[in-house]
Each structure stands twice: as structure tokens, then as C-alpha cells.
Amino acid sequence: MVWRTTLVTLTTCFLLGTTFTHWIADHNVLWRSPLTSDALQQSITYYSILATAPAGLGWVYVAVGVLALGSSAGRLWKDFLGKGGEVLFDGGSIVLLSAITYNQINELYPTISLFPSPVPNEIADHPLYPALTTAVRDLANDNVITAVMLTGVMALQAGRWYSKRPTSSPPQSETSSDPSSPSTQAVDQEPSTIRRSGTPYRELTQDEAMELDGPSGSASAEDHAVSPGRKARSRGNRVKR
């Protein structure tokens, strides 16, 4: 359902934001060269304060992680039942969240427990200083790995949404079924008979035809004009006889 996807996305964003807050101590250890005692002092002090934080904050972090893992597991179970979803994306999210949970329980929590509270002023003279120096480096590496895996969960959820989005159908051309429309009339209209008067040519007159035909044309025209009279006289002779 949609609410499971919403829970996975919101809880992942929350965990990723809390991981980014450690950057104020991690960047001194990871990206500063050479590594100075002041940078180590700042990182050790930060994680010492974090180790003595109220227990309620830790339980909130745990509850959000369990909610993210449970929502992803619910989606994966729905995928196996054949009720929608994508096994690839939800299964990948489960793997990444499980890896984060294992890293937090077995690596991060025992390391934070090593920091003393309060931190002595001369931390370099403390017997735990070599162990604390290694601890802040391990915590910085673990936080980077956790941030990368949480980013992978968000990328998988975005890929799942992209694969499930509705595809846009190509626009269909609308044809008018109204017989009175101009397009229908143009198609149904039969070609009209082309009259000679509508052409750029005209008929020749009798005089023009006689001029074109020459003497033979004039003789034939005269014979054609006299022939009706001769026929009338021949009929009259027959009647007298």
C-alpha cells in the first residue's frame, strides 16, 4: 500500500539526516591531512557528549529504524503474495536496512561506549587516547557507510516508483463523426462535372472555323447551308408528279 512506501521513505530520510549531523566531527578525521591533535580532541569531545545523551533519544533512533525495516518487510511480503509491488526494489531495501542494523549493533554502539564522560582536559595523556583515536576514525567510516546505504534505499524506492508509474498513451487523433462537418462534406462530396465553359478554352465561331479550314472549309460550309433548300425542291417535284 501507499502508506508503507511513505513510511519507508520518511524513516530513511530521518535516519539519513541524523547520520549527516555527525559530519561536524567526522570531516576533521576523514578529510584533514595531516591529522592534528585538535581535530582528534574535537571529535572525541563530540562523541563523548553523544554517548552521555538521554536514553530516550537512542530509543527514538531505534524505533525509527525498526519502523523502516518493518515497512520494507511488509512490502516484500506483499510482493510474494502477488498483490503488486516490486521484489527487486523492496528486497534490495531490506538487504541494505539489515546491513545498517547489523553495523549499528555490532560496530557503532560498542565503539561509542568506549568514550569517557566527562572528557579530561589533557586527553592526549589519557590512557585510552590511542583507543579513542582509532574509535573516532572507525565511527567516521561507519557513518559514511551508513549514509551511502541509506542513500541506496532512497534510490531503490525512487526506482520502484518510476517502474510503477502509469505510462502515457500516445494522443489519438479525433475524427469528427458529424456528417454536417466541413471535413466530412469535403470527403463525401462527389466531383462535379466539369463544363467546357469553366475551362480556359472556348468554342470557335463559324467564321473562325472557316478561316482555319481555308477554301475546302468554305465549300463544305456552303454545301451544308444549301443542302436543305435542294431537299425541299426535290420533295416539291415529287409531289407534282
C-alpha atoms as a PDB file:
ATOM      1  CA  MET A   1       0.000   0.000   0.000  1.00  0.00           C
ATOM      2  CA  VAL A   2       0.972   3.642  -0.299  1.00  0.00           C
ATOM      3  CA  TRP A   3       1.355   4.172   3.433  1.00  0.00           C
ATOM      4  CA  ARG A   4       4.109   1.534   3.620  1.00  0.00           C
ATOM      5  CA  THR A   5       6.075   3.251   0.894  1.00  0.00           C
ATOM      6  CA  THR A   6       5.571   6.583   2.648  1.00  0.00           C
ATOM      7  CA  LEU A   7       6.863   5.150   5.930  1.00  0.00           C
ATOM      8  CA  VAL A   8       9.947   3.676   4.279  1.00  0.00           C
ATOM      9  CA  THR A   9      10.751   6.983   2.597  1.00  0.00           C
ATOM     10  CA  LEU A  10      10.181   9.167   5.680  1.00  0.00           C
ATOM     11  CA  THR A  11      12.091   6.934   8.083  1.00  0.00           C
ATOM     12  CA  THR A  12      15.004   6.631   5.651  1.00  0.00           C
ATOM     13  CA  CYS A  13      15.177  10.416   5.301  1.00  0.00           C
ATOM     14  CA  PHE A  14      15.147  10.770   9.098  1.00  0.00           C
ATOM     15  CA  LEU A  15      17.965   8.274   9.575  1.00  0.00           C
ATOM     16  CA  LEU A  16      19.991   9.868   6.797  1.00  0.00           C
ATOM     17  CA  GLY A  17      19.571  13.310   8.372  1.00  0.00           C
ATOM     18  CA  THR A  18      20.723  12.107  11.791  1.00  0.00           C
ATOM     19  CA  THR A  19      23.750  10.495  10.156  1.00  0.00           C
ATOM     20  CA  PHE A  20      24.677  13.750   8.438  1.00  0.00           C
ATOM     21  CA  THR A  21      24.756  15.563  11.798  1.00  0.00           C
ATOM     22  CA  HIS A  22      27.928  13.617  12.676  1.00  0.00           C
ATOM     23  CA  TRP A  23      29.748  15.295   9.814  1.00  0.00           C
ATOM     24  CA  ILE A  24      30.872  18.149  12.084  1.00  0.00           C
ATOM     25  CA  ALA A  25      33.150  15.655  13.847  1.00  0.00           C
ATOM     26  CA  ASP A  26      33.877  13.233  11.007  1.00  0.00           C
ATOM     27  CA  HIS A  27      35.234  15.675   8.437  1.00  0.00           C
ATOM     28  CA  ASN A  28      38.153  16.581  10.735  1.00  0.00           C
ATOM     29  CA  VAL A  29      39.184  12.929  10.837  1.00  0.00           C
ATOM     30  CA  LEU A  30      38.487  11.899   7.261  1.00  0.00           C
ATOM     31  CA  TRP A  31      39.487  14.905   5.170  1.00  0.00           C
ATOM     32  CA  ARG A  32      42.070  16.799   7.207  1.00  0.00           C
ATOM     33  CA  SER A  33      45.691  15.983   6.459  1.00  0.00           C
ATOM     34  CA  PRO A  34      47.800  15.889   8.484  1.00  0.00           C
ATOM     35  CA  LEU A  35      45.533  14.856  11.329  1.00  0.00           C
ATOM     36  CA  THR A  36      46.108  17.190  14.253  1.00  0.00           C
ATOM     37  CA  SER A  37      45.531  16.653  17.956  1.00  0.00           C
ATOM     38  CA  ASP A  38      42.975  19.479  17.979  1.00  0.00           C
ATOM     39  CA  ALA A  39      40.869  17.664  15.355  1.00  0.00           C
ATOM     40  CA  LEU A  40      41.024  14.467  17.405  1.00  0.00           C
ATOM     41  CA  GLN A  41      40.148  16.401  20.554  1.00  0.00           C
ATOM     42  CA  GLN A  42      37.054  17.879  18.845  1.00  0.00           C
ATOM     43  CA  SER A  43      35.863  14.505  17.546  1.00  0.00           C
ATOM     44  CA  ILE A  44      36.426  12.761  20.875  1.00  0.00           C
ATOM     45  CA  THR A  45      34.523  15.503  22.728  1.00  0.00           C
ATOM     46  CA  TYR A  46      31.598  15.260  20.277  1.00  0.00           C
ATOM     47  CA  TYR A  47      31.201  11.512  20.608  1.00  0.00           C
ATOM     48  CA  SER A  48      31.646  11.717  24.376  1.00  0.00           C
ATOM     49  CA  ILE A  49      28.644  14.080  24.532  1.00  0.00           C
ATOM     50  CA  LEU A  50      26.712  11.760  22.217  1.00  0.00           C
ATOM     51  CA  ALA A  51      27.485   8.764  24.449  1.00  0.00           C
ATOM     52  CA  THR A  52      26.008  10.536  27.501  1.00  0.00           C
ATOM     53  CA  ALA A  53      22.838  11.690  25.673  1.00  0.00           C
ATOM     54  CA  PRO A  54      19.454  10.847  27.229  1.00  0.00           C
ATOM     55  CA  ALA A  55      18.355   7.277  26.641  1.00  0.00           C
ATOM     56  CA  GLY A  56      15.104   8.491  25.076  1.00  0.00           C
ATOM     57  CA  LEU A  57      16.945   9.861  22.048  1.00  0.00           C
ATOM     58  CA  GLY A  58      18.532   6.499  21.456  1.00  0.00           C
ATOM     59  CA  TRP A  59      15.183   4.719  21.671  1.00  0.00           C
ATOM     60  CA  VAL A  60      13.699   7.145  19.153  1.00  0.00           C
ATOM     61  CA  TYR A  61      16.513   6.285  16.751  1.00  0.00           C
ATOM     62  CA  VAL A  62      15.899   2.571  17.327  1.00  0.00           C
ATOM     63  CA  ALA A  63      12.133   2.937  16.870  1.00  0.00           C
ATOM     64  CA  VAL A  64      12.552   4.763  13.561  1.00  0.00           C
ATOM     65  CA  GLY A  65      14.951   2.073  12.339  1.00  0.00           C
ATOM     66  CA  VAL A  66      12.550  -0.712  13.315  1.00  0.00           C
ATOM     67  CA  LEU A  67       9.702   1.112  11.571  1.00  0.00           C
ATOM     68  CA  ALA A  68      11.743   1.410   8.367  1.00  0.00           C
ATOM     69  CA  LEU A  69      12.727  -2.257   8.474  1.00  0.00           C
ATOM     70  CA  GLY A  70       9.185  -3.396   9.261  1.00  0.00           C
ATOM     71  CA  SER A  71       7.638  -1.313   6.478  1.00  0.00           C
ATOM     72  CA  SER A  72      10.085  -2.724   3.953  1.00  0.00           C
ATOM     73  CA  ALA A  73       9.405  -6.256   5.177  1.00  0.00           C
ATOM     74  CA  GLY A  74       5.653  -5.658   4.803  1.00  0.00           C
ATOM     75  CA  ARG A  75       6.112  -4.526   1.246  1.00  0.00           C
ATOM     76  CA  LEU A  76       8.279  -7.536   0.459  1.00  0.00           C
ATOM     77  CA  TRP A  77       5.673  -9.904   1.934  1.00  0.00           C
ATOM     78  CA  LYS A  78       3.009  -8.266  -0.203  1.00  0.00           C
ATOM     79  CA  ASP A  79       5.202  -8.816  -3.258  1.00  0.00           C
ATOM     80  CA  PHE A  80       5.495 -12.530  -2.531  1.00  0.00           C
ATOM     81  CA  LEU A  81       1.715 -12.789  -2.167  1.00  0.00           C
ATOM     82  CA  GLY A  82       1.356 -11.401  -5.673  1.00  0.00           C
ATOM     83  CA  LYS A  83      -0.540  -8.264  -4.704  1.00  0.00           C
ATOM     84  CA  GLY A  84       1.659  -5.782  -6.509  1.00  0.00           C
ATOM     85  CA  GLY A  85       4.974  -4.158  -5.784  1.00  0.00           C
ATOM     86  CA  GLU A  86       8.447  -4.972  -6.955  1.00  0.00           C
ATOM     87  CA  VAL A  87      10.518  -7.725  -5.321  1.00  0.00           C
ATOM     88  CA  LEU A  88      13.792  -6.327  -6.660  1.00  0.00           C
ATOM     89  CA  PHE A  89      13.467  -2.870  -5.120  1.00  0.00           C
ATOM     90  CA  ASP A  90      11.847  -3.935  -1.845  1.00  0.00           C
ATOM     91  CA  GLY A  91      14.253  -6.853  -1.441  1.00  0.00           C
ATOM     92  CA  GLY A  92      17.220  -4.551  -2.009  1.00  0.00           C
ATOM     93  CA  SER A  93      15.883  -2.132   0.608  1.00  0.00           C
ATOM     94  CA  ILE A  94      15.570  -4.993   3.112  1.00  0.00           C
ATOM     95  CA  VAL A  95      19.177  -6.046   2.484  1.00  0.00           C
ATOM     96  CA  LEU A  96      20.520  -2.521   2.948  1.00  0.00           C
ATOM     97  CA  LEU A  97      18.476  -1.816   6.075  1.00  0.00           C
ATOM     98  CA  SER A  98      19.522  -5.163   7.564  1.00  0.00           C
ATOM     99  CA  ALA A  99      23.174  -4.325   6.894  1.00  0.00           C
ATOM    100  CA  ILE A 100      22.735  -0.952   8.579  1.00  0.00           C
ATOM    101  CA  THR A 101      21.118  -2.605  11.600  1.00  0.00           C
ATOM    102  CA  TYR A 102      23.961  -5.095  11.901  1.00  0.00           C
ATOM    103  CA  ASN A 103      26.558  -2.322  11.617  1.00  0.00           C
ATOM    104  CA  GLN A 104      24.844  -0.181  14.249  1.00  0.00           C
ATOM    105  CA  ILE A 105      24.540  -3.019  16.755  1.00  0.00           C
ATOM    106  CA  ASN A 106      27.928  -4.669  16.323  1.00  0.00           C
ATOM    107  CA  GLU A 107      30.179  -1.756  15.365  1.00  0.00           C
ATOM    108  CA  LEU A 108      28.819   1.654  16.229  1.00  0.00           C
ATOM    109  CA  TYR A 109      27.204   1.090  19.647  1.00  0.00           C
ATOM    110  CA  PRO A 110      30.204  -0.732  21.232  1.00  0.00           C
ATOM    111  CA  THR A 111      32.571   1.925  19.890  1.00  0.00           C
ATOM    112  CA  ILE A 112      30.595   4.843  21.351  1.00  0.00           C
ATOM    113  CA  SER A 113      30.530   3.082  24.721  1.00  0.00           C
ATOM    114  CA  LEU A 114      34.320   3.469  24.968  1.00  0.00           C
ATOM    115  CA  PHE A 115      34.237   7.272  25.294  1.00  0.00           C
ATOM    116  CA  PRO A 116      34.640   8.591  28.845  1.00  0.00           C
ATOM    117  CA  SER A 117      32.436  11.269  30.301  1.00  0.00           C
ATOM    118  CA  PRO A 118      33.484  13.927  31.031  1.00  0.00           C
ATOM    119  CA  VAL A 119      36.445  14.193  28.723  1.00  0.00           C
ATOM    120  CA  PRO A 120      39.656  15.192  30.558  1.00  0.00           C
ATOM    121  CA  ASN A 121      41.330  18.421  29.602  1.00  0.00           C
ATOM    122  CA  GLU A 122      44.571  16.727  28.619  1.00  0.00           C
ATOM    123  CA  ILE A 123      43.098  13.939  26.506  1.00  0.00           C
ATOM    124  CA  ALA A 124      46.485  13.173  24.967  1.00  0.00           C
ATOM    125  CA  ASP A 125      47.712  11.991  28.375  1.00  0.00           C
ATOM    126  CA  HIS A 126      44.717   9.731  28.940  1.00  0.00           C
ATOM    127  CA  PRO A 127      45.465   6.007  28.818  1.00  0.00           C
ATOM    128  CA  LEU A 128      42.549   5.482  26.411  1.00  0.00           C
ATOM    129  CA  TYR A 129      43.797   8.092  23.950  1.00  0.00           C
ATOM    130  CA  PRO A 130      45.191   5.595  21.387  1.00  0.00           C
ATOM    131  CA  ALA A 131      41.965   3.572  21.543  1.00  0.00           C
ATOM    132  CA  LEU A 132      39.845   6.734  21.249  1.00  0.00           C
ATOM    133  CA  THR A 133      41.843   7.901  18.244  1.00  0.00           C
ATOM    134  CA  THR A 134      41.104   4.630  16.490  1.00  0.00           C
ATOM    135  CA  ALA A 135      37.469   4.801  17.636  1.00  0.00           C
ATOM    136  CA  VAL A 136      36.745   8.200  16.071  1.00  0.00           C
ATOM    137  CA  ARG A 137      38.211   7.021  12.773  1.00  0.00           C
ATOM    138  CA  ASP A 138      36.077   3.879  12.842  1.00  0.00           C
ATOM    139  CA  LEU A 139      32.971   5.901  13.676  1.00  0.00           C
ATOM    140  CA  ALA A 140      33.646   8.283  10.801  1.00  0.00           C
ATOM    141  CA  ASN A 141      33.997   5.368   8.392  1.00  0.00           C
ATOM    142  CA  ASP A 142      30.842   3.695   9.733  1.00  0.00           C
ATOM    143  CA  ASN A 143      28.836   6.892   9.347  1.00  0.00           C
ATOM    144  CA  VAL A 144      29.935   7.270   5.734  1.00  0.00           C
ATOM    145  CA  ILE A 145      28.993   3.659   5.003  1.00  0.00           C
ATOM    146  CA  THR A 146      25.618   4.134   6.713  1.00  0.00           C
ATOM    147  CA  ALA A 147      24.917   7.302   4.711  1.00  0.00           C
ATOM    148  CA  VAL A 148      25.743   5.537   1.451  1.00  0.00           C
ATOM    149  CA  MET A 149      23.464   2.595   2.260  1.00  0.00           C
ATOM    150  CA  LEU A 150      20.593   4.876   3.287  1.00  0.00           C
ATOM    151  CA  THR A 151      21.033   6.783   0.032  1.00  0.00           C
ATOM    152  CA  GLY A 152      20.809   3.418  -1.746  1.00  0.00           C
ATOM    153  CA  VAL A 153      17.483   2.713  -0.021  1.00  0.00           C
ATOM    154  CA  MET A 154      16.117   6.037  -1.240  1.00  0.00           C
ATOM    155  CA  ALA A 155      17.381   5.318  -4.750  1.00  0.00           C
ATOM    156  CA  LEU A 156      15.650   1.917  -4.723  1.00  0.00           C
ATOM    157  CA  GLN A 157      12.385   3.479  -3.594  1.00  0.00           C
ATOM    158  CA  ALA A 158      12.673   6.071  -6.354  1.00  0.00           C
ATOM    159  CA  GLY A 159      13.314   3.277  -8.869  1.00  0.00           C
ATOM    160  CA  ARG A 160      10.291   1.378  -7.598  1.00  0.00           C
ATOM    161  CA  TRP A 161       8.096   4.458  -8.052  1.00  0.00           C
ATOM    162  CA  TYR A 162       9.499   5.005 -11.547  1.00  0.00           C
ATOM    163  CA  SER A 163       8.745   1.415 -12.573  1.00  0.00           C
ATOM    164  CA  LYS A 164       5.170   1.567 -11.254  1.00  0.00           C
ATOM    165  CA  ARG A 165       4.227   4.943 -12.702  1.00  0.00           C
ATOM    166  CA  PRO A 166       1.469   4.909 -15.353  1.00  0.00           C
ATOM    167  CA  THR A 167       2.734   5.153 -18.896  1.00  0.00           C
ATOM    168  CA  SER A 168       1.290   7.954 -21.007  1.00  0.00           C
ATOM    169  CA  SER A 169      -0.565   6.721 -24.104  1.00  0.00           C
ATOM    170  CA  PRO A 170       0.080   8.480 -27.418  1.00  0.00           C
ATOM    171  CA  PRO A 171      -2.520  11.107 -28.292  1.00  0.00           C
ATOM    172  CA  GLN A 172      -5.251   9.801 -30.562  1.00  0.00           C
ATOM    173  CA  SER A 173      -6.420  11.914 -33.475  1.00  0.00           C
ATOM    174  CA  GLU A 174     -10.041  12.877 -33.068  1.00  0.00           C
ATOM    175  CA  THR A 175     -12.162  12.368 -36.193  1.00  0.00           C
ATOM    176  CA  SER A 176     -15.445  14.185 -36.447  1.00  0.00           C
ATOM    177  CA  SER A 177     -18.434  11.861 -36.953  1.00  0.00           C
ATOM    178  CA  ASP A 178     -20.809  14.719 -37.651  1.00  0.00           C
ATOM    179  CA  PRO A 179     -21.986  14.440 -41.276  1.00  0.00           C
ATOM    180  CA  SER A 180     -22.516  18.181 -41.387  1.00  0.00           C
ATOM    181  CA  SER A 181     -18.890  18.968 -40.610  1.00  0.00           C
ATOM    182  CA  PRO A 182     -16.854  20.579 -43.410  1.00  0.00           C
ATOM    183  CA  SER A 183     -14.300  17.749 -43.470  1.00  0.00           C
ATOM    184  CA  THR A 184     -16.993  15.095 -43.921  1.00  0.00           C
ATOM    185  CA  GLN A 185     -18.699  17.092 -46.618  1.00  0.00           C
ATOM    186  CA  ALA A 186     -15.431  17.510 -48.466  1.00  0.00           C
ATOM    187  CA  VAL A 187     -14.843  13.752 -48.411  1.00  0.00           C
ATOM    188  CA  ASP A 188     -18.402  12.720 -49.285  1.00  0.00           C
ATOM    189  CA  GLN A 189     -18.931  15.311 -51.994  1.00  0.00           C
ATOM    190  CA  GLU A 190     -18.766  13.788 -55.485  1.00  0.00           C
ATOM    191  CA  PRO A 191     -16.683  15.569 -58.069  1.00  0.00           C
ATOM    192  CA  SER A 192     -18.909  17.794 -60.166  1.00  0.00           C
ATOM    193  CA  THR A 193     -18.934  17.544 -63.988  1.00  0.00           C
ATOM    194  CA  ILE A 194     -16.514  19.978 -65.476  1.00  0.00           C
ATOM    195  CA  ARG A 195     -18.205  22.123 -68.077  1.00  0.00           C
ATOM    196  CA  ARG A 196     -16.430  23.484 -71.093  1.00  0.00           C
ATOM    197  CA  SER A 197     -17.338  26.998 -70.076  1.00  0.00           C
ATOM    198  CA  GLY A 198     -15.405  26.534 -66.916  1.00  0.00           C
ATOM    199  CA  THR A 199     -12.190  25.784 -68.786  1.00  0.00           C
ATOM    200  CA  PRO A 200      -9.793  28.435 -70.105  1.00  0.00           C
ATOM    201  CA  TYR A 201     -10.677  27.377 -73.682  1.00  0.00           C
ATOM    202  CA  ARG A 202     -13.716  28.494 -75.757  1.00  0.00           C
ATOM    203  CA  GLU A 203     -15.508  27.226 -78.880  1.00  0.00           C
ATOM    204  CA  LEU A 204     -14.599  28.612 -82.263  1.00  0.00           C
ATOM    205  CA  THR A 205     -17.208  30.587 -84.171  1.00  0.00           C
ATOM    206  CA  GLN A 206     -18.238  29.579 -87.687  1.00  0.00           C
ATOM    207  CA  ASP A 207     -16.236  32.390 -89.281  1.00  0.00           C
ATOM    208  CA  GLU A 208     -13.099  31.440 -87.329  1.00  0.00           C
ATOM    209  CA  ALA A 209     -13.550  27.812 -88.312  1.00  0.00           C
ATOM    210  CA  MET A 210     -13.923  28.770 -91.973  1.00  0.00           C
ATOM    211  CA  GLU A 211     -10.752  30.859 -91.842  1.00  0.00           C
ATOM    212  CA  LEU A 212      -8.828  27.950 -90.318  1.00  0.00           C
ATOM    213  CA  ASP A 213     -10.189  25.416 -92.838  1.00  0.00           C
ATOM    214  CA  GLY A 214      -9.462  27.566 -95.899  1.00  0.00           C
ATOM    215  CA  PRO A 215     -11.199  27.062 -99.288  1.00  0.00           C
ATOM    216  CA  SER A 216     -12.225  23.497 -98.572  1.00  0.00           C
ATOM    217  CA  GLY A 217     -13.782  24.588 -95.352  1.00  0.00           C
ATOM    218  CA  SER A 218     -15.825  27.337 -97.017  1.00  0.00           C
ATOM    219  CA  ALA A 219     -17.077  24.991 -99.724  1.00  0.00           C
ATOM    220  CA  SER A 220     -18.195  22.413 -97.257  1.00  0.00           C
ATOM    221  CA  ALA A 221     -19.917  25.097 -95.244  1.00  0.00           C
ATOM    222  CA  GLU A 222     -21.800  26.357 -98.316  1.00  0.00           C
ATOM    223  CA  ASP A 223     -22.825  22.850 -99.307  1.00  0.00           C
ATOM    224  CA  HIS A 224     -24.032  22.305 -95.797  1.00  0.00           C
ATOM    225  CA  ALA A 225     -26.028  25.534 -95.923  1.00  0.00           C
ATOM    226  CA  VAL A 226     -27.611  24.845 -99.436  1.00  0.00           C
ATOM    227  CA  SER A 227     -28.451  21.242 -98.952  1.00  0.00           C
ATOM    228  CA  PRO A 228     -31.663  21.908 -97.018  1.00  0.00           C
ATOM    229  CA  GLY A 229     -33.047  24.002 -99.943  1.00  0.00           C
ATOM    230  CA  ARG A 230     -32.276  21.367-102.526  1.00  0.00           C
ATOM    231  CA  LYS A 231     -34.003  18.777-100.409  1.00  0.00           C
ATOM    232  CA  ALA A 232     -37.136  20.963-100.262  1.00  0.00           C
ATOM    233  CA  ARG A 233     -37.263  21.433-104.107  1.00  0.00           C
ATOM    234  CA  SER A 234     -36.796  17.729-104.720  1.00  0.00           C
ATOM    235  CA  ARG A 235     -39.694  16.960-102.420  1.00  0.00           C
ATOM    236  CA  GLY A 236     -41.888  19.512-104.255  1.00  0.00           C
ATOM    237  CA  ASN A 237     -41.115  17.890-107.654  1.00  0.00           C
ATOM    238  CA  ARG A 238     -42.074  14.504-106.307  1.00  0.00           C
ATOM    239  CA  VAL A 239     -45.423  15.827-105.116  1.00  0.00           C
ATOM    240  CA  LYS A 240     -46.247  17.398-108.566  1.00  0.00           C
ATOM    241  CA  ARG A 241     -45.529  14.120-110.298  1.00  0.00           C
END
